[in-house]
Amino acid sequence: MNHEPFDDDLSWELRSLVADADPPPTLRPPTGGPRRQPGRPLILIGCVAAAVLAIVGLLVAPGDSHRQRVASGAGSTTTTESGVLAPLPGNEATPSSLPANPTTTAGRAPTTLPFISGKSGPTTTVPQSLAMTHYSLGDSIYWGITQGPDGNMWAVSWVDIARITPDGKITKFAIRSSVPSMNSPAGITAGPDGNLWFTEWGADKVGRITTSGLITEFATPAFGEITAAPDGNLWFPAGNNRIGKITTAGSAKSFPVAGGVSGGIARGSDGNVWFGAANSIGRITPAGVVTQFPAQHSYRGAAAGPDGNVWFQSEDNGGTIGRVTPAGEIKDFGGAGGSAWATSISAGPDGNVWCVESPGHLVFRIDRSGTVTAFSSDRADTLNQYGIAPGPGGTLWVIEDRSVAKFSPPPA
């Protein structure tokens, strides 16, 4: 595995692209030496070419009988299974649609709504060591991770879904045959129907997988995180200016919002869904009424906190963490940073909030007062971290460069 230093030019270009398009590109470090920064027209042409290659790959890909043995780390066993890729019946999913009267959807809330310019909480200056157990995931890059109803961890990549047992045995279920990978951010969550639900950015689909590996895909634009809401539906970003929902039967609908949607979304304790957008935090009711609260930053990752609030990661300002109450009061805390890219935030089993960023090998704990503590992985060669989620037995799991790691939160 190549672990060269993260290229500054590449980091600048990645963040420039994010300003114009969602979701963000992969953070995989360059495998060569210093590279000359290409012009934006060439990058755009390259992106279009990659998309064409992906479509061609899907059209000519072989059937799902493909099986592959993937090398794994110590203590882990990895197998790849075909799963059952169910084609979309014409009547299985309804087309995405606007609300009956889009003009009644609330826009951005008045700027007089309460906003607290956050004071940074105390931050540890020297990262504490953190012992982790690591398991190989093979060659694919995974992004989202969640605990399933079967007590296993589930992670999503561009080509497959990985099921990881608590002791590190890994089984993969193919979404598609290997194609030029977009390495696109994707989310996965446990649904209210006992299945796992995931987004497929680039394929414009939401997928459902049973704990035995049966996959069904529904055609609807989707990217970034996905959350099971109190109304019994799954909610997700559905494009730069839309929030989508899908029923467990596969009926999808989307709603317009003001400003670009960043990809972070979480259920709130108030029965609504909260999401990150450009310089705002949004709230959407089960009926699709949107209210957006002005903020000083743009937020990406989102998580329901153990304190009844929703917590966000800022994708700017070097690691700002935002907390929003059900009433829409926002407070920012600094200190969970040092890296260029906010990738994932989650409530922990210890009553705190945890987040990771890339590039880097630090894991951050934020308590309810906003105090930030940094922890360093026992593998300093880990360059990128993409997802974090609580797991069985009071553990936390982190998606790393082509591997997954688990650890027990240290006492405060």
Protein backbone atom coordinates (compact mmCIF):
# COMPACT_ATOMS: atom_id res chain seq x y z
CA MET A 1 0.00 0.00 0.00
CA ASN A 2 1.44 3.37 -1.02
CA HIS A 3 1.47 6.04 1.69
CA GLU A 4 3.26 8.98 0.16
CA PRO A 5 2.60 12.45 1.64
CA PHE A 6 -0.61 14.11 0.57
CA ASP A 7 -0.02 16.37 -2.43
CA ASP A 8 -0.79 20.06 -1.65
CA ASP A 9 -1.73 20.82 -5.23
CA LEU A 10 -4.09 17.86 -5.32
CA SER A 11 -5.66 18.94 -2.03
CA TRP A 12 -6.20 22.46 -3.45
CA GLU A 13 -7.74 21.08 -6.61
CA LEU A 14 -10.03 18.70 -4.70
CA ARG A 15 -11.41 21.52 -2.58
CA SER A 16 -11.84 23.72 -5.68
CA LEU A 17 -13.87 21.00 -7.36
CA VAL A 18 -16.08 20.60 -4.31
CA ALA A 19 -17.06 24.27 -4.57
CA ASP A 20 -18.61 23.53 -7.97
CA ALA A 21 -19.88 19.98 -7.69
CA ASP A 22 -21.17 17.42 -5.21
CA PRO A 23 -20.21 15.01 -3.83
CA PRO A 24 -16.45 15.44 -3.19
CA PRO A 25 -13.91 13.32 -5.03
CA THR A 26 -11.80 10.62 -3.41
CA LEU A 27 -8.95 11.60 -1.13
CA ARG A 28 -6.71 8.74 -2.22
CA PRO A 29 -3.13 10.04 -2.11
CA PRO A 30 -1.10 10.24 -5.34
CA THR A 31 1.06 7.26 -6.15
CA GLY A 32 3.73 9.21 -8.01
CA GLY A 33 6.03 12.09 -7.19
CA PRO A 34 5.15 15.78 -7.27
CA ARG A 35 2.69 16.47 -10.02
CA ARG A 36 2.10 19.56 -12.09
CA GLN A 37 -1.31 21.03 -11.38
CA PRO A 38 -3.52 20.49 -14.45
CA GLY A 39 -5.82 23.17 -15.74
CA ARG A 40 -9.50 23.03 -14.75
CA PRO A 41 -10.66 22.35 -18.38
CA LEU A 42 -8.50 19.22 -18.47
CA ILE A 43 -9.88 18.11 -15.11
CA LEU A 44 -13.46 18.58 -16.29
CA ILE A 45 -12.72 16.67 -19.49
CA GLY A 46 -11.15 13.90 -17.40
CA CYS A 47 -14.20 13.69 -15.16
CA VAL A 48 -16.49 13.34 -18.18
CA ALA A 49 -14.22 10.67 -19.64
CA ALA A 50 -14.23 8.75 -16.35
CA ALA A 51 -18.01 8.84 -16.25
CA VAL A 52 -18.20 7.51 -19.84
CA LEU A 53 -15.77 4.71 -18.97
CA ALA A 54 -17.88 3.79 -15.92
CA ILE A 55 -21.04 3.57 -18.04
CA VAL A 56 -19.30 1.48 -20.69
CA GLY A 57 -17.93 -0.76 -17.95
CA LEU A 58 -21.42 -1.35 -16.60
CA LEU A 59 -22.75 -2.21 -20.07
CA VAL A 60 -20.06 -4.73 -20.90
CA ALA A 61 -19.47 -6.10 -17.38
CA PRO A 62 -19.82 -9.85 -16.87
CA GLY A 63 -22.62 -11.40 -14.84
CA ASP A 64 -22.82 -11.69 -11.08
CA SER A 65 -21.28 -15.16 -10.98
CA HIS A 66 -17.90 -13.53 -10.39
CA ARG A 67 -16.20 -14.60 -7.13
CA GLN A 68 -12.92 -13.40 -5.80
CA ARG A 69 -10.70 -14.15 -2.81
CA VAL A 70 -9.23 -11.00 -1.29
CA ALA A 71 -6.16 -11.00 0.94
CA SER A 72 -6.91 -9.85 4.46
CA GLY A 73 -5.02 -8.78 7.53
CA ALA A 74 -4.14 -10.89 10.51
CA GLY A 75 -7.17 -12.24 12.31
CA SER A 76 -9.54 -11.59 9.40
CA THR A 77 -11.01 -13.68 6.62
CA THR A 78 -12.38 -12.04 3.49
CA THR A 79 -14.63 -13.57 0.87
CA THR A 80 -16.44 -11.98 -2.02
CA GLU A 81 -19.89 -13.19 -2.98
CA SER A 82 -22.02 -12.18 -5.89
CA GLY A 83 -25.01 -11.28 -3.76
CA VAL A 84 -28.19 -11.14 -5.77
CA LEU A 85 -28.39 -8.03 -7.90
CA ALA A 86 -32.09 -7.54 -8.57
CA PRO A 87 -32.87 -5.49 -11.71
CA LEU A 88 -35.31 -2.67 -11.27
CA PRO A 89 -38.86 -3.73 -12.18
CA GLY A 90 -40.65 -0.89 -13.84
CA ASN A 91 -43.19 -0.58 -11.05
CA GLU A 92 -40.88 -1.04 -8.08
CA ALA A 93 -39.95 2.59 -7.60
CA THR A 94 -41.98 5.67 -8.46
CA PRO A 95 -40.19 8.56 -10.20
CA SER A 96 -38.78 11.31 -8.01
CA SER A 97 -41.19 14.23 -7.88
CA LEU A 98 -41.58 17.70 -6.45
CA PRO A 99 -44.10 18.49 -3.73
CA ALA A 100 -47.58 19.27 -5.04
CA ASN A 101 -47.00 22.96 -4.42
CA PRO A 102 -43.26 23.71 -4.26
CA THR A 103 -43.86 27.40 -3.60
CA THR A 104 -45.18 26.56 -0.14
CA THR A 105 -41.85 25.06 0.86
CA ALA A 106 -40.17 27.39 3.32
CA GLY A 107 -36.92 28.93 2.17
CA ARG A 108 -34.02 30.24 4.19
CA ALA A 109 -35.02 31.40 7.65
CA PRO A 110 -34.59 35.07 8.66
CA THR A 111 -31.13 36.11 9.74
CA THR A 112 -32.55 37.18 13.11
CA LEU A 113 -32.71 33.53 14.22
CA PRO A 114 -30.37 32.82 17.12
CA PHE A 115 -26.77 32.08 16.24
CA ILE A 116 -24.01 31.81 18.80
CA SER A 117 -20.56 32.52 17.48
CA GLY A 118 -18.87 29.62 19.18
CA LYS A 119 -15.99 29.86 21.54
CA SER A 120 -13.56 27.06 20.92
CA GLY A 121 -13.63 24.42 23.58
CA PRO A 122 -10.38 23.34 25.24
CA THR A 123 -8.30 21.11 22.96
CA THR A 124 -5.54 18.72 23.86
CA THR A 125 -2.32 19.91 22.27
CA VAL A 126 -0.65 16.50 22.09
CA PRO A 127 -2.71 13.61 20.68
CA GLN A 128 -3.16 10.69 23.01
CA SER A 129 -2.31 7.21 21.73
CA LEU A 130 -5.20 4.99 20.67
CA ALA A 131 -4.94 1.21 20.35
CA MET A 132 -6.88 -0.18 17.39
CA THR A 133 -7.50 -3.55 15.76
CA HIS A 134 -7.24 -3.39 11.97
CA TYR A 135 -8.75 -5.64 9.27
CA SER A 136 -8.01 -5.50 5.54
CA LEU A 137 -10.83 -4.64 3.14
CA GLY A 138 -8.91 -5.45 -0.05
CA ASP A 139 -8.50 -3.09 -2.98
CA SER A 140 -11.72 -1.06 -2.90
CA ILE A 141 -12.10 2.22 -1.04
CA TYR A 142 -15.09 2.24 1.31
CA TRP A 143 -16.77 5.34 2.68
CA GLY A 144 -19.90 4.85 4.77
CA ILE A 145 -20.10 2.37 7.65
CA THR A 146 -22.89 1.44 10.06
CA GLN A 147 -23.95 -1.30 12.44
CA GLY A 148 -26.59 -3.60 11.03
CA PRO A 149 -29.54 -5.21 12.79
CA ASP A 150 -27.61 -8.50 12.71
CA GLY A 151 -24.87 -7.17 15.01
CA ASN A 152 -22.30 -6.90 12.20
CA MET A 153 -20.76 -3.79 10.66
CA TRP A 154 -21.62 -2.92 7.06
CA ALA A 155 -19.58 -0.69 4.72
CA VAL A 156 -20.24 0.53 1.18
CA SER A 157 -17.89 1.05 -1.76
CA TRP A 158 -18.46 1.76 -5.45
CA VAL A 159 -18.52 -1.93 -6.37
CA ASP A 160 -19.77 -3.83 -3.33
CA ILE A 161 -21.11 -3.93 0.21
CA ALA A 162 -18.85 -5.42 2.89
CA ARG A 163 -20.20 -7.20 5.97
CA ILE A 164 -17.69 -7.28 8.85
CA THR A 165 -18.26 -9.48 11.88
CA PRO A 166 -17.14 -8.22 15.30
CA ASP A 167 -14.04 -10.44 15.04
CA GLY A 168 -13.10 -9.21 11.57
CA LYS A 169 -14.47 -11.83 9.15
CA ILE A 170 -15.43 -10.01 5.97
CA THR A 171 -17.92 -11.02 3.27
CA LYS A 172 -18.54 -8.85 0.22
CA PHE A 173 -21.71 -8.64 -1.85
CA ALA A 174 -21.25 -7.25 -5.36
CA ILE A 175 -23.27 -4.29 -6.51
CA ARG A 176 -21.65 -4.39 -9.94
CA SER A 177 -18.63 -5.95 -11.60
CA SER A 178 -15.36 -4.10 -11.33
CA VAL A 179 -15.39 -0.89 -13.37
CA PRO A 180 -13.24 2.26 -13.36
CA SER A 181 -13.98 3.28 -9.78
CA MET A 182 -15.29 6.75 -9.04
CA ASN A 183 -14.37 6.20 -5.38
CA SER A 184 -17.44 8.30 -4.65
CA PRO A 185 -18.64 9.17 -1.15
CA ALA A 186 -21.63 7.04 -0.27
CA GLY A 187 -23.67 6.42 2.86
CA ILE A 188 -25.22 3.38 4.49
CA THR A 189 -27.61 3.00 7.42
CA ALA A 190 -29.82 0.43 9.11
CA GLY A 191 -33.43 0.83 8.00
CA PRO A 192 -36.64 0.41 10.01
CA ASP A 193 -37.46 -2.71 7.95
CA GLY A 194 -34.50 -4.78 9.21
CA ASN A 195 -32.44 -4.16 6.06
CA LEU A 196 -29.50 -1.88 5.22
CA TRP A 197 -30.00 1.08 2.87
CA PHE A 198 -27.25 2.84 0.94
CA THR A 199 -26.73 5.62 -1.63
CA GLU A 200 -25.01 5.22 -5.00
CA TRP A 201 -23.73 8.55 -6.22
CA GLY A 202 -22.95 8.49 -9.93
CA ALA A 203 -25.46 5.71 -10.50
CA ASP A 204 -28.45 7.79 -9.32
CA LYS A 205 -29.75 4.97 -7.14
CA VAL A 206 -30.65 4.09 -3.58
CA GLY A 207 -29.92 0.47 -2.70
CA ARG A 208 -31.37 -1.94 -0.17
CA ILE A 209 -29.50 -5.03 1.04
CA THR A 210 -30.82 -7.71 3.35
CA THR A 211 -28.58 -9.17 6.02
CA SER A 212 -28.26 -12.28 3.83
CA GLY A 213 -26.98 -10.22 0.88
CA LEU A 214 -30.01 -9.74 -1.39
CA ILE A 215 -29.66 -6.37 -3.13
CA THR A 216 -32.40 -4.29 -4.73
CA GLU A 217 -31.75 -0.90 -6.30
CA PHE A 218 -34.22 1.96 -6.80
CA ALA A 219 -33.69 4.64 -9.43
CA THR A 220 -33.53 8.07 -7.78
CA PRO A 221 -30.72 10.65 -7.54
CA ALA A 222 -28.81 10.22 -4.27
CA PHE A 223 -25.39 10.85 -2.79
CA GLY A 224 -23.68 11.26 0.55
CA GLU A 225 -25.18 10.13 3.84
CA ILE A 226 -28.54 8.44 4.35
CA THR A 227 -30.58 8.29 7.56
CA ALA A 228 -33.60 6.41 8.87
CA ALA A 229 -36.04 9.06 10.06
CA PRO A 230 -38.75 8.89 12.74
CA ASP A 231 -41.42 8.86 10.01
CA GLY A 232 -40.32 5.36 8.91
CA ASN A 233 -38.70 6.56 5.67
CA LEU A 234 -35.09 6.91 4.53
CA TRP A 235 -33.83 10.44 3.81
CA PHE A 236 -30.78 11.49 1.79
CA PRO A 237 -29.32 14.38 -0.26
CA ALA A 238 -30.72 14.05 -3.78
CA GLY A 239 -28.66 16.59 -5.68
CA ASN A 240 -27.12 20.00 -5.15
CA ASN A 241 -30.44 21.60 -4.24
CA ARG A 242 -32.71 18.75 -3.19
CA ILE A 243 -33.42 16.42 -0.28
CA GLY A 244 -34.92 13.03 -1.10
CA LYS A 245 -36.87 10.43 0.82
CA ILE A 246 -37.73 6.84 -0.05
CA THR A 247 -40.19 4.48 1.59
CA THR A 248 -39.16 0.96 2.50
CA ALA A 249 -41.28 -0.16 -0.47
CA GLY A 250 -39.12 1.92 -2.83
CA SER A 251 -41.32 4.95 -3.57
CA ALA A 252 -39.10 8.04 -3.85
CA LYS A 253 -39.75 11.78 -3.74
CA SER A 254 -37.51 14.83 -3.46
CA PHE A 255 -37.90 18.39 -2.16
CA PRO A 256 -36.10 21.60 -3.18
CA VAL A 257 -33.87 23.48 -0.74
CA ALA A 258 -31.98 26.76 -1.02
CA GLY A 259 -28.25 26.51 -1.64
CA GLY A 260 -26.08 23.48 -2.29
CA VAL A 261 -26.64 20.43 -0.08
CA SER A 262 -23.35 19.18 1.33
CA GLY A 263 -24.08 15.48 1.85
CA GLY A 264 -24.55 15.39 5.63
CA ILE A 265 -27.97 14.38 6.96
CA ALA A 266 -29.27 13.03 10.28
CA ARG A 267 -32.50 12.40 12.16
CA GLY A 268 -33.36 14.84 14.89
CA SER A 269 -34.87 14.28 18.30
CA ASP A 270 -37.75 16.56 17.24
CA GLY A 271 -39.09 14.11 14.64
CA ASN A 272 -37.58 16.05 11.72
CA VAL A 273 -34.50 15.53 9.54
CA TRP A 274 -31.54 17.92 9.62
CA PHE A 275 -29.01 18.49 6.85
CA GLY A 276 -25.95 20.55 6.01
CA ALA A 277 -25.96 23.14 3.24
CA ALA A 278 -23.93 26.09 2.04
CA ASN A 279 -23.60 28.45 5.01
CA SER A 280 -26.71 27.05 6.66
CA ILE A 281 -28.16 24.11 8.53
CA GLY A 282 -31.51 22.91 7.27
CA ARG A 283 -34.50 21.21 8.86
CA ILE A 284 -37.11 19.32 6.85
CA THR A 285 -40.37 17.98 8.24
CA PRO A 286 -41.87 14.61 7.23
CA ALA A 287 -44.22 16.59 4.94
CA GLY A 288 -41.30 18.25 3.17
CA VAL A 289 -41.40 21.76 4.67
CA VAL A 290 -37.87 23.17 4.76
CA THR A 291 -36.45 25.78 7.13
CA GLN A 292 -32.82 26.83 6.84
CA PHE A 293 -30.88 28.52 9.62
CA PRO A 294 -27.98 30.79 8.60
CA ALA A 295 -24.54 29.65 9.73
CA GLN A 296 -21.00 30.92 9.42
CA HIS A 297 -19.76 27.75 7.78
CA SER A 298 -20.79 25.03 5.36
CA TYR A 299 -21.25 21.66 7.04
CA ARG A 300 -20.78 18.16 5.62
CA GLY A 301 -20.97 15.26 8.08
CA ALA A 302 -24.02 15.09 10.38
CA ALA A 303 -24.95 12.93 13.37
CA ALA A 304 -27.69 12.77 15.97
CA GLY A 305 -25.94 13.49 19.25
CA PRO A 306 -26.54 11.81 22.61
CA ASP A 307 -27.66 15.19 23.99
CA GLY A 308 -30.73 15.52 21.75
CA ASN A 309 -29.00 17.94 19.37
CA VAL A 310 -27.60 17.35 15.89
CA TRP A 311 -23.85 17.75 15.38
CA PHE A 312 -22.12 18.72 12.14
CA GLN A 313 -18.60 18.86 10.75
CA SER A 314 -17.59 22.00 8.94
CA GLU A 315 -15.94 21.51 5.56
CA ASP A 316 -14.04 24.75 6.02
CA ASN A 317 -12.25 26.66 8.79
CA GLY A 318 -9.95 23.80 9.81
CA GLY A 319 -12.10 21.52 11.89
CA THR A 320 -15.07 23.48 13.23
CA ILE A 321 -17.80 21.36 14.83
CA GLY A 322 -21.32 22.77 14.76
CA ARG A 323 -24.14 21.89 17.14
CA VAL A 324 -27.78 22.78 16.43
CA THR A 325 -30.67 22.49 18.87
CA PRO A 326 -34.19 21.45 17.79
CA ALA A 327 -35.09 25.17 17.92
CA GLY A 328 -32.39 26.01 15.37
CA GLU A 329 -29.83 27.58 17.71
CA ILE A 330 -26.34 26.94 16.29
CA LYS A 331 -23.10 26.93 18.22
CA ASP A 332 -19.65 26.25 16.81
CA PHE A 333 -16.66 24.64 18.49
CA GLY A 334 -13.17 24.71 17.05
CA GLY A 335 -10.26 22.37 17.55
CA ALA A 336 -11.22 19.16 15.76
CA GLY A 337 -8.89 19.78 12.88
CA GLY A 338 -5.51 20.09 11.34
CA SER A 339 -6.50 18.25 8.18
CA ALA A 340 -8.10 19.59 5.04
CA TRP A 341 -11.16 17.39 4.71
CA ALA A 342 -14.03 16.67 7.11
CA THR A 343 -15.20 13.14 6.34
CA SER A 344 -17.41 11.68 9.08
CA ILE A 345 -18.95 12.39 12.49
CA SER A 346 -20.88 10.06 14.79
CA ALA A 347 -22.32 9.73 18.26
CA GLY A 348 -20.20 7.40 20.36
CA PRO A 349 -21.20 4.69 22.82
CA ASP A 350 -19.56 6.72 25.59
CA GLY A 351 -21.98 9.66 25.39
CA ASN A 352 -19.61 11.84 23.35
CA VAL A 353 -19.36 12.75 19.66
CA TRP A 354 -16.47 11.45 17.54
CA CYS A 355 -15.17 12.52 14.14
CA VAL A 356 -12.41 11.79 11.62
CA GLU A 357 -10.80 13.79 8.84
CA SER A 358 -8.46 13.23 5.91
CA PRO A 359 -5.62 13.25 5.31
CA GLY A 360 -4.39 12.20 8.73
CA HIS A 361 -4.53 9.47 11.35
CA LEU A 362 -6.21 11.41 14.16
CA VAL A 363 -9.57 10.65 15.76
CA PHE A 364 -11.32 13.42 17.68
CA ARG A 365 -13.64 13.22 20.69
CA ILE A 366 -15.97 16.15 21.45
CA ASP A 367 -17.85 16.17 24.74
CA ARG A 368 -21.10 18.04 25.40
CA SER A 369 -19.28 21.17 26.53
CA GLY A 370 -17.30 21.31 23.29
CA THR A 371 -14.01 20.11 24.73
CA VAL A 372 -12.01 18.42 21.96
CA THR A 373 -9.51 15.64 22.57
CA ALA A 374 -7.34 14.27 19.76
CA PHE A 375 -6.22 10.64 19.58
CA SER A 376 -3.59 9.19 17.28
CA SER A 377 -4.06 5.81 15.63
CA ASP A 378 -1.45 3.18 16.38
CA ARG A 379 -0.86 3.05 12.61
CA ALA A 380 0.84 6.29 11.72
CA ASP A 381 0.97 5.22 8.05
CA THR A 382 -2.83 5.61 7.78
CA LEU A 383 -3.28 8.56 5.46
CA ASN A 384 -7.04 8.75 4.85
CA GLN A 385 -10.04 8.05 7.07
CA TYR A 386 -13.51 8.07 5.56
CA GLY A 387 -16.17 6.89 8.03
CA ILE A 388 -16.79 6.34 11.73
CA ALA A 389 -19.69 4.59 13.49
CA PRO A 390 -20.46 2.85 16.80
CA GLY A 391 -20.35 -0.95 16.80
CA PRO A 392 -21.18 -3.90 19.03
CA GLY A 393 -19.74 -4.15 22.52
CA GLY A 394 -19.28 -0.41 23.00
CA THR A 395 -16.73 -0.08 20.18
CA LEU A 396 -16.18 2.51 17.47
CA TRP A 397 -15.24 1.52 13.91
CA VAL A 398 -13.26 3.63 11.43
CA ILE A 399 -12.87 3.18 7.67
CA GLU A 400 -9.21 3.69 6.74
CA ASP A 401 -7.22 3.31 3.51
CA ARG A 402 -8.59 -0.04 2.27
CA SER A 403 -9.05 -1.33 5.81
CA VAL A 404 -11.36 -1.01 8.79
CA ALA A 405 -10.31 -0.53 12.42
CA LYS A 406 -12.12 -0.85 15.71
CA PHE A 407 -11.33 0.55 19.15
CA SER A 408 -12.89 1.02 22.55
CA PRO A 409 -13.33 4.68 23.53
CA PRO A 410 -10.87 5.52 26.31
CA PRO A 411 -12.23 6.97 29.54
CA ALA A 412 -12.48 10.74 29.73
